Amino acid sequence: MSMLPGWANALGLSVALILVATVAYRFTLRMARGVIRRAAAGTKATWDDRIIERKVFARLVNMVPAVIVYYGIGPALGLPTSEIQGADTTLALIELLVQRLALSVIVLSAVLSANALLDAINDIYQENFSEAKSRPIKGYLQVVGIVIYIGAGVVVVSILADRSPIVFLSGLGALTAVLMLVFRDTILSLVASLQIMSNDMIRIGDWVEMPQANADGDVIDIALHIVKVQNWDKTISTIPTHKFISESFKNWRGMSESGGRRIKRSLHLDLSSVHFLSDDEIERLSRYELLRAYMQQKQEHLAEHQGRSVPDDVIPEPKRLTNVGTFRAYIVRYLEAHPDVHGEMTLLVRQLAPNPKGLPIEIYCFTNDTAWGNYEGVQADIFDHLIAILPEFGLKAFQELAGSDLSNAFAGTGR
């Protein structure tokens, strides 16, 4: 019973210590916020705003109550520093445990603040440096964060166990194999990040396509472990960073930077509509602005060919213009005159091998607008015009029979 007053006094002082620490924490936090925000508001720079947004100083304030408890627990328990050796064993153990926990909180607060500072550095880099998209540093900062957390873990364990951190680090070599297994993905991602950045393989904002991961869209984040891709349907695909090294993918950045986007599409013609041009057709097509020079050149060439002499017993080669050849010439000149077709990139109109779907005429060119919507509009306009002008050349587009075609055919036979 003689010990009860001492325990009651220690308990009361400990509660008072906790209240003082709480009040000090709230007061310091409010003062820090007010002073720091006023100082940041008085500057034109934005880096200090990013530090405030990440709550770097707010997390440092967590150290204030821990420091108060660390130095105040002894007097609260009635154990001044000079009398600890002769103090009651139970109170001394309580003081020792509380001090170690307080030191651990101080270390963790410093680590959380350092991690928030790394996030703020990444924000500042992305906001103020043009190289941020091509060379993001988020992965490297995450590696630094992992090292800090590992170091803090060793320090906290050494504090709680009352052992030097060197003791734990000396046994780290024996755990190398385990650490390699545990941090396998981190090591792979780190190596992949270095290769991605050094080779400039992907950047934030790039359009990438990785079918095996069902990803097709813009890169919105490059971190240490994952790369986030926002697909065109607005879903988010998360791809391990090392996949961009070990597997193939397509990056459309080259198309965007070139200023031209490729059109490669075929127009299938009905083979039964291919024929030589008659004199009337030649005269009519010669009046087309795009074909005037071509038709004149061809007629001169045909006149030279027909004017050459051949023996009487030899049948001269009949050289005549075809509607499909003239149509190809028209397409070339139409594309060359089109304002939305890139004039400095490959422009090709070629005839592919006939197949069961007719005679393919492939249009290969580039638009001068790489935006998806504008590109599709230009491509559609070109083929709308070419399909509509086919009858002018006596050509027909090929399409497979539909049910209505068969019905009309049978109706015409009376069946």
Protein backbone atom coordinates (compact mmCIF):
# COMPACT_ATOMS: atom_id res chain seq x y z
CA MET A 1 0.00 0.00 0.00
CA SER A 2 2.92 2.27 0.51
CA MET A 3 3.59 2.21 -3.20
CA LEU A 4 0.11 3.38 -4.24
CA PRO A 5 0.71 7.11 -3.80
CA GLY A 6 3.90 6.88 -5.91
CA TRP A 7 2.11 4.98 -8.69
CA ALA A 8 -0.80 7.41 -8.59
CA ASN A 9 1.54 10.38 -8.82
CA ALA A 10 3.43 8.79 -11.71
CA LEU A 11 0.16 8.01 -13.51
CA GLY A 12 -1.09 11.55 -13.07
CA LEU A 13 2.13 13.09 -14.32
CA SER A 14 2.18 10.68 -17.28
CA VAL A 15 -1.35 11.75 -18.27
CA ALA A 16 -0.29 15.38 -17.94
CA LEU A 17 2.73 14.64 -20.13
CA ILE A 18 0.49 13.17 -22.82
CA LEU A 19 -1.78 16.23 -22.70
CA VAL A 20 1.21 18.57 -22.96
CA ALA A 21 2.55 16.59 -25.91
CA THR A 22 -0.87 16.70 -27.64
CA VAL A 23 -1.26 20.45 -27.09
CA ALA A 24 2.31 21.05 -28.26
CA TYR A 25 1.66 19.00 -31.39
CA ARG A 26 -1.50 20.91 -32.31
CA PHE A 27 0.06 24.28 -31.55
CA THR A 28 3.23 23.52 -33.51
CA LEU A 29 1.23 22.16 -36.44
CA ARG A 30 -0.97 25.24 -36.58
CA MET A 31 1.98 27.60 -36.28
CA ALA A 32 3.98 25.71 -38.88
CA ARG A 33 1.10 25.71 -41.34
CA GLY A 34 0.46 29.40 -40.87
CA VAL A 35 4.07 30.52 -41.13
CA ILE A 36 4.98 28.22 -44.03
CA ARG A 37 1.85 28.99 -46.04
CA ARG A 38 2.37 32.74 -45.63
CA ALA A 39 6.00 32.38 -46.70
CA ALA A 40 5.02 30.30 -49.74
CA ALA A 41 2.28 32.72 -50.72
CA GLY A 42 4.81 35.56 -50.82
CA THR A 43 6.92 33.88 -53.50
CA LYS A 44 6.29 33.43 -57.22
CA ALA A 45 7.93 30.03 -57.31
CA THR A 46 5.77 26.93 -57.28
CA TRP A 47 8.24 24.43 -55.80
CA ASP A 48 7.37 25.51 -52.26
CA ASP A 49 3.67 24.94 -53.02
CA ARG A 50 4.41 21.36 -54.05
CA ILE A 51 6.28 20.78 -50.76
CA ILE A 52 3.29 22.06 -48.80
CA GLU A 53 0.86 19.95 -50.81
CA ARG A 54 2.86 16.82 -50.01
CA LYS A 55 2.78 17.71 -46.26
CA VAL A 56 6.53 17.48 -45.78
CA PHE A 57 6.62 19.81 -42.76
CA ALA A 58 3.33 18.53 -41.37
CA ARG A 59 4.89 15.08 -41.02
CA LEU A 60 7.98 16.52 -39.36
CA VAL A 61 5.74 18.03 -36.70
CA ASN A 62 4.94 14.47 -35.57
CA MET A 63 8.41 14.48 -34.02
CA VAL A 64 7.45 17.21 -31.52
CA PRO A 65 5.26 15.08 -29.18
CA ALA A 66 7.72 12.19 -29.49
CA VAL A 67 10.61 14.44 -28.37
CA ILE A 68 8.54 15.77 -25.44
CA VAL A 69 7.64 12.25 -24.34
CA TYR A 70 11.23 11.07 -24.73
CA TYR A 71 12.62 13.74 -22.41
CA GLY A 72 9.61 14.04 -20.13
CA ILE A 73 8.83 10.41 -19.30
CA GLY A 74 11.64 10.17 -16.75
CA PRO A 75 10.59 13.16 -14.64
CA ALA A 76 6.94 12.11 -15.00
CA LEU A 77 7.74 8.74 -13.48
CA GLY A 78 9.91 10.36 -10.83
CA LEU A 79 13.12 9.06 -12.35
CA PRO A 80 15.60 11.88 -12.97
CA THR A 81 18.53 10.93 -15.16
CA SER A 82 20.95 10.97 -12.24
CA GLU A 83 18.81 8.50 -10.26
CA ILE A 84 17.86 5.95 -12.92
CA GLN A 85 20.35 3.35 -11.75
CA GLY A 86 18.82 3.23 -8.29
CA ALA A 87 15.21 3.58 -9.34
CA ASP A 88 12.47 1.00 -9.10
CA THR A 89 12.98 -1.72 -11.70
CA THR A 90 9.42 -1.65 -13.06
CA LEU A 91 9.39 2.14 -13.54
CA ALA A 92 12.81 2.00 -15.16
CA LEU A 93 11.61 -0.62 -17.65
CA ILE A 94 8.54 1.48 -18.45
CA GLU A 95 10.70 4.55 -19.01
CA LEU A 96 13.10 2.60 -21.21
CA LEU A 97 10.26 1.15 -23.31
CA VAL A 98 8.56 4.52 -23.73
CA GLN A 99 11.80 6.21 -24.74
CA ARG A 100 12.54 3.54 -27.31
CA LEU A 101 9.03 3.86 -28.75
CA ALA A 102 9.44 7.64 -28.84
CA LEU A 103 12.74 7.32 -30.69
CA SER A 104 11.08 4.92 -33.14
CA VAL A 105 8.31 7.46 -33.77
CA ILE A 106 10.94 10.15 -34.39
CA VAL A 107 12.68 7.95 -36.95
CA LEU A 108 9.41 7.02 -38.68
CA SER A 109 8.33 10.66 -38.79
CA ALA A 110 11.62 11.60 -40.42
CA VAL A 111 11.22 8.76 -42.95
CA LEU A 112 7.63 9.75 -43.82
CA SER A 113 8.73 13.35 -44.25
CA ALA A 114 11.64 12.27 -46.47
CA ASN A 115 9.30 10.15 -48.60
CA ALA A 116 6.90 13.08 -48.96
CA LEU A 117 9.87 15.24 -49.99
CA LEU A 118 10.74 12.73 -52.72
CA ASP A 119 7.15 12.95 -54.03
CA ALA A 120 7.42 16.74 -53.98
CA ILE A 121 10.70 16.58 -55.92
CA ASN A 122 8.98 14.44 -58.56
CA ASP A 123 6.12 16.95 -58.81
CA ILE A 124 8.56 19.85 -59.14
CA TYR A 125 10.53 18.02 -61.82
CA GLN A 126 7.42 17.20 -63.87
CA GLU A 127 6.14 20.75 -63.60
CA ASN A 128 9.30 22.72 -64.34
CA PHE A 129 11.42 20.58 -66.66
CA SER A 130 10.61 19.79 -70.28
CA GLU A 131 12.57 16.52 -70.05
CA ALA A 132 10.05 15.13 -67.54
CA LYS A 133 8.05 13.26 -70.19
CA SER A 134 11.04 11.70 -71.92
CA ARG A 135 13.08 11.05 -68.76
CA PRO A 136 10.84 10.66 -65.69
CA ILE A 137 12.63 10.24 -62.36
CA LYS A 138 9.77 8.72 -60.41
CA GLY A 139 11.27 5.22 -60.59
CA TYR A 140 14.63 6.39 -59.27
CA LEU A 141 13.00 8.31 -56.43
CA GLN A 142 11.05 5.20 -55.50
CA VAL A 143 14.31 3.26 -55.29
CA VAL A 144 15.69 5.94 -52.95
CA GLY A 145 12.48 5.66 -50.92
CA ILE A 146 12.89 1.89 -50.63
CA VAL A 147 16.48 2.31 -49.42
CA ILE A 148 15.33 4.87 -46.84
CA TYR A 149 12.57 2.58 -45.58
CA ILE A 150 14.99 -0.36 -45.30
CA GLY A 151 17.48 1.78 -43.40
CA ALA A 152 14.76 3.12 -41.14
CA GLY A 153 13.55 -0.42 -40.47
CA VAL A 154 17.04 -1.47 -39.39
CA VAL A 155 17.37 1.59 -37.14
CA VAL A 156 13.95 1.05 -35.52
CA VAL A 157 14.66 -2.63 -34.84
CA SER A 158 18.06 -1.74 -33.38
CA ILE A 159 16.44 0.87 -31.13
CA LEU A 160 13.77 -1.51 -29.85
CA ALA A 161 16.31 -4.32 -29.35
CA ASP A 162 18.88 -1.94 -27.86
CA ARG A 163 21.54 -3.15 -30.29
CA SER A 164 23.82 -1.31 -32.68
CA PRO A 165 22.57 -1.18 -36.30
CA ILE A 166 25.94 -2.61 -37.31
CA VAL A 167 24.94 -5.88 -35.64
CA PHE A 168 21.94 -6.23 -37.95
CA LEU A 169 23.82 -5.05 -41.03
CA SER A 170 26.61 -7.56 -40.42
CA GLY A 171 24.10 -10.39 -40.78
CA LEU A 172 22.62 -8.92 -43.93
CA GLY A 173 25.02 -10.85 -46.15
CA ALA A 174 23.52 -14.15 -45.07
CA LEU A 175 20.09 -12.89 -46.10
CA THR A 176 21.16 -11.79 -49.58
CA ALA A 177 19.51 -14.77 -51.28
CA VAL A 178 16.27 -14.16 -49.40
CA LEU A 179 16.36 -10.45 -50.23
CA MET A 180 17.00 -11.24 -53.90
CA LEU A 181 13.91 -13.43 -53.89
CA VAL A 182 11.76 -10.94 -52.00
CA PHE A 183 12.86 -7.95 -54.09
CA ARG A 184 13.04 -9.81 -57.39
CA ASP A 185 10.38 -7.67 -59.07
CA THR A 186 11.97 -4.49 -57.71
CA ILE A 187 15.38 -5.42 -59.10
CA LEU A 188 13.90 -6.37 -62.48
CA SER A 189 11.91 -3.14 -62.57
CA LEU A 190 14.94 -1.06 -61.65
CA VAL A 191 17.04 -2.57 -64.43
CA ALA A 192 14.13 -2.17 -66.86
CA SER A 193 13.67 1.47 -65.84
CA LEU A 194 17.33 2.20 -66.51
CA GLN A 195 17.11 0.61 -69.96
CA ILE A 196 13.84 2.35 -70.79
CA MET A 197 15.23 5.76 -69.86
CA SER A 198 18.63 5.29 -71.48
CA ASN A 199 17.07 4.06 -74.74
CA ASP A 200 14.15 6.50 -74.60
CA MET A 201 11.70 3.65 -75.24
CA ILE A 202 8.57 5.19 -73.73
CA ARG A 203 7.56 8.59 -72.42
CA ILE A 204 4.54 9.93 -70.61
CA GLY A 205 2.00 10.81 -73.29
CA ASP A 206 3.20 8.18 -75.79
CA TRP A 207 0.62 6.05 -77.56
CA VAL A 208 1.70 2.45 -76.99
CA GLU A 209 0.12 -0.80 -78.08
CA MET A 210 0.80 -4.10 -76.29
CA PRO A 211 -1.77 -6.71 -77.40
CA GLN A 212 -0.59 -9.39 -74.97
CA ALA A 213 -1.47 -7.05 -72.09
CA ASN A 214 -4.69 -5.77 -73.74
CA ALA A 215 -3.20 -2.28 -73.64
CA ASP A 216 -3.77 0.27 -76.40
CA GLY A 217 -3.66 3.92 -75.38
CA ASP A 218 -1.60 6.72 -73.85
CA VAL A 219 1.06 6.26 -71.16
CA ILE A 220 -0.04 8.31 -68.14
CA ASP A 221 2.48 7.22 -65.52
CA ILE A 222 5.88 5.53 -65.42
CA ALA A 223 6.80 4.25 -61.98
CA LEU A 224 9.38 1.81 -60.68
CA HIS A 225 7.18 -1.29 -60.74
CA ILE A 226 4.36 -0.47 -63.18
CA VAL A 227 3.53 1.61 -66.21
CA LYS A 228 -0.04 2.89 -66.42
CA VAL A 229 -1.69 3.06 -69.85
CA GLN A 230 -5.06 4.73 -70.32
CA ASN A 231 -6.78 2.78 -73.10
CA TRP A 232 -9.03 4.43 -75.67
CA ASP A 233 -12.09 3.12 -73.83
CA LYS A 234 -10.83 5.07 -70.78
CA THR A 235 -9.91 1.94 -68.84
CA ILE A 236 -6.50 1.78 -67.15
CA SER A 237 -4.03 -1.02 -67.85
CA THR A 238 -1.18 -1.52 -65.39
CA ILE A 239 1.81 -3.25 -66.95
CA PRO A 240 4.94 -4.35 -65.04
CA THR A 241 7.83 -2.15 -66.08
CA HIS A 242 10.08 -5.08 -66.97
CA LYS A 243 7.49 -6.27 -69.53
CA PHE A 244 8.56 -3.40 -71.80
CA ILE A 245 12.01 -4.99 -71.94
CA SER A 246 11.13 -8.67 -72.12
CA GLU A 247 8.14 -8.40 -74.48
CA SER A 248 7.40 -6.54 -77.70
CA PHE A 249 5.20 -3.48 -77.96
CA LYS A 250 4.47 -0.75 -80.48
CA ASN A 251 5.14 2.91 -79.76
CA TRP A 252 3.36 5.36 -82.07
CA ARG A 253 5.52 8.32 -81.04
CA GLY A 254 7.46 8.20 -84.30
CA MET A 255 4.23 8.71 -86.23
CA SER A 256 3.25 11.68 -84.07
CA GLU A 257 6.67 13.32 -84.38
CA SER A 258 6.93 12.76 -88.15
CA GLY A 259 3.88 14.90 -88.84
CA GLY A 260 2.25 12.31 -91.08
CA ARG A 261 -0.04 9.33 -90.50
CA ARG A 262 -0.21 6.49 -92.99
CA ILE A 263 -3.19 5.49 -95.08
CA LYS A 264 -2.89 1.96 -96.41
CA ARG A 265 -6.18 0.67 -97.73
CA SER A 266 -7.31 -1.18 -100.84
CA LEU A 267 -10.25 -0.55 -103.13
CA HIS A 268 -11.47 -3.81 -104.70
CA LEU A 269 -12.69 -3.54 -108.30
CA ASP A 270 -14.96 -5.94 -110.14
CA LEU A 271 -12.78 -7.66 -112.75
CA SER A 272 -15.66 -7.85 -115.20
CA SER A 273 -15.73 -4.04 -115.40
CA VAL A 274 -12.09 -3.72 -116.57
CA HIS A 275 -11.86 -2.85 -120.30
CA PHE A 276 -10.08 -0.76 -122.92
CA LEU A 277 -11.21 2.84 -123.22
CA SER A 278 -13.24 3.72 -126.27
CA ASP A 279 -12.62 6.91 -128.24
CA ASP A 280 -15.65 8.54 -126.64
CA GLU A 281 -14.40 7.64 -123.16
CA ILE A 282 -10.93 8.97 -123.98
CA GLU A 283 -12.42 12.25 -125.19
CA ARG A 284 -14.63 12.57 -122.11
CA LEU A 285 -11.91 11.73 -119.58
CA SER A 286 -9.48 14.12 -121.31
CA ARG A 287 -11.68 16.99 -120.18
CA TYR A 288 -11.02 16.19 -116.51
CA GLU A 289 -8.62 18.75 -115.02
CA LEU A 290 -6.56 16.15 -113.19
CA LEU A 291 -6.28 13.89 -116.26
CA ARG A 292 -5.78 16.47 -119.01
CA ALA A 293 -1.95 16.36 -119.02
CA TYR A 294 -1.88 12.58 -118.49
CA MET A 295 -4.28 11.83 -121.34
CA GLN A 296 -2.44 14.16 -123.70
CA GLN A 297 0.88 12.47 -122.88
CA LYS A 298 -0.61 9.01 -123.33
CA GLN A 299 -2.24 9.91 -126.65
CA GLU A 300 1.06 11.24 -127.96
CA HIS A 301 2.79 8.05 -126.88
CA LEU A 302 0.09 5.91 -128.55
CA ALA A 303 0.34 7.95 -131.75
CA GLU A 304 4.08 7.32 -131.89
CA HIS A 305 3.50 3.63 -131.29
CA GLN A 306 0.84 3.35 -133.98
CA GLY A 307 2.91 5.34 -136.49
CA ARG A 308 5.81 2.94 -136.49
CA SER A 309 6.17 0.65 -139.50
CA VAL A 310 5.76 -3.11 -139.29
CA PRO A 311 5.94 -5.76 -142.03
CA ASP A 312 2.72 -6.51 -143.89
CA ASP A 313 2.64 -10.07 -142.64
CA VAL A 314 2.90 -9.02 -138.96
CA ILE A 315 -0.09 -8.10 -136.84
CA PRO A 316 0.79 -4.84 -134.99
CA GLU A 317 0.59 -4.85 -131.19
CA PRO A 318 -2.68 -3.25 -130.12
CA LYS A 319 -1.67 -0.71 -127.51
CA ARG A 320 -4.65 1.00 -125.93
CA LEU A 321 -5.56 2.74 -122.70
CA THR A 322 -7.45 0.81 -120.03
CA ASN A 323 -9.99 2.26 -117.67
CA VAL A 324 -8.23 0.80 -114.60
CA GLY A 325 -4.85 2.25 -115.62
CA THR A 326 -6.42 5.65 -116.18
CA PHE A 327 -8.18 5.35 -112.83
CA ARG A 328 -4.85 4.69 -111.11
CA ALA A 329 -3.37 7.77 -112.76
CA TYR A 330 -6.37 9.78 -111.61
CA ILE A 331 -5.91 8.61 -108.00
CA VAL A 332 -2.25 9.67 -108.00
CA ARG A 333 -3.04 13.15 -109.25
CA TYR A 334 -6.04 13.44 -106.95
CA LEU A 335 -3.89 12.63 -103.91
CA GLU A 336 -1.09 14.96 -105.04
CA ALA A 337 -3.60 17.80 -105.25
CA HIS A 338 -5.34 16.93 -101.95
CA PRO A 339 -4.58 19.60 -99.29
CA ASP A 340 -4.65 17.07 -96.44
CA VAL A 341 -2.20 14.57 -97.98
CA HIS A 342 1.43 15.00 -96.94
CA GLY A 343 3.39 16.06 -100.00
CA GLU A 344 6.87 15.07 -98.71
CA MET A 345 6.09 11.49 -97.73
CA THR A 346 5.60 8.34 -99.76
CA LEU A 347 2.64 8.42 -102.13
CA LEU A 348 1.94 5.22 -103.99
CA VAL A 349 -1.02 3.74 -105.86
CA ARG A 350 -0.42 0.14 -106.84
CA GLN A 351 -2.31 -2.80 -108.25
CA LEU A 352 -2.16 -5.97 -106.17
CA ALA A 353 -2.66 -9.50 -107.36
CA PRO A 354 -6.27 -10.33 -108.29
CA ASN A 355 -8.07 -12.55 -105.82
CA PRO A 356 -11.59 -13.92 -105.30
CA LYS A 357 -12.61 -10.47 -104.04
CA GLY A 358 -11.66 -8.73 -107.28
CA LEU A 359 -8.74 -6.52 -108.29
CA PRO A 360 -7.25 -4.63 -105.30
CA ILE A 361 -6.02 -1.09 -105.93
CA GLU A 362 -3.99 -0.12 -102.86
CA ILE A 363 -3.66 3.52 -101.82
CA TYR A 364 -0.53 4.19 -99.79
CA CYS A 365 0.00 7.76 -98.60
CA PHE A 366 0.23 9.92 -95.47
CA THR A 367 -2.06 12.58 -94.08
CA ASN A 368 -0.51 15.77 -92.73
CA ASP A 369 -2.67 15.62 -89.60
CA THR A 370 -1.89 12.87 -87.08
CA ALA A 371 -4.90 13.46 -84.82
CA TRP A 372 -7.00 10.32 -84.84
CA GLY A 373 -10.34 11.97 -85.60
CA ASN A 374 -8.97 14.22 -88.34
CA TYR A 375 -7.05 11.33 -89.88
CA GLU A 376 -10.15 9.15 -90.09
CA GLY A 377 -12.07 12.04 -91.62
CA VAL A 378 -9.47 12.61 -94.34
CA GLN A 379 -9.26 8.89 -95.10
CA ALA A 380 -13.03 8.60 -95.34
CA ASP A 381 -13.27 11.65 -97.63
CA ILE A 382 -10.67 10.20 -100.01
CA PHE A 383 -12.39 6.84 -100.37
CA ASP A 384 -15.85 8.41 -100.53
CA HIS A 385 -14.70 10.33 -103.59
CA LEU A 386 -12.92 7.40 -105.23
CA ILE A 387 -15.87 5.03 -104.79
CA ALA A 388 -18.30 7.63 -106.11
CA ILE A 389 -16.23 8.39 -109.22
CA LEU A 390 -15.77 4.74 -110.28
CA PRO A 391 -18.71 4.82 -112.77
CA GLU A 392 -17.00 7.69 -114.63
CA PHE A 393 -14.30 5.20 -115.59
CA GLY A 394 -16.72 2.39 -116.31
CA LEU A 395 -15.57 0.53 -113.20
CA LYS A 396 -17.53 -1.17 -110.46
CA ALA A 397 -16.57 -1.88 -106.87
CA PHE A 398 -16.59 -5.54 -105.90
CA GLN A 399 -18.73 -6.78 -103.05
CA GLU A 400 -19.93 -10.22 -102.12
CA LEU A 401 -23.52 -11.23 -102.76
CA ALA A 402 -26.04 -10.36 -100.10
CA GLY A 403 -29.35 -12.06 -99.39
CA SER A 404 -31.24 -9.28 -101.17
CA ASP A 405 -29.13 -9.81 -104.31
CA LEU A 406 -30.06 -13.49 -104.41
CA SER A 407 -33.72 -12.68 -103.81
CA ASN A 408 -33.75 -10.22 -106.70
CA ALA A 409 -31.99 -12.72 -108.95
CA PHE A 410 -34.52 -15.44 -108.23
CA ALA A 411 -37.39 -12.96 -108.60
CA GLY A 412 -36.13 -12.06 -112.08
CA THR A 413 -36.24 -15.72 -113.14
CA GLY A 414 -39.76 -16.15 -111.82
CA ARG A 415 -38.80 -18.76 -109.25
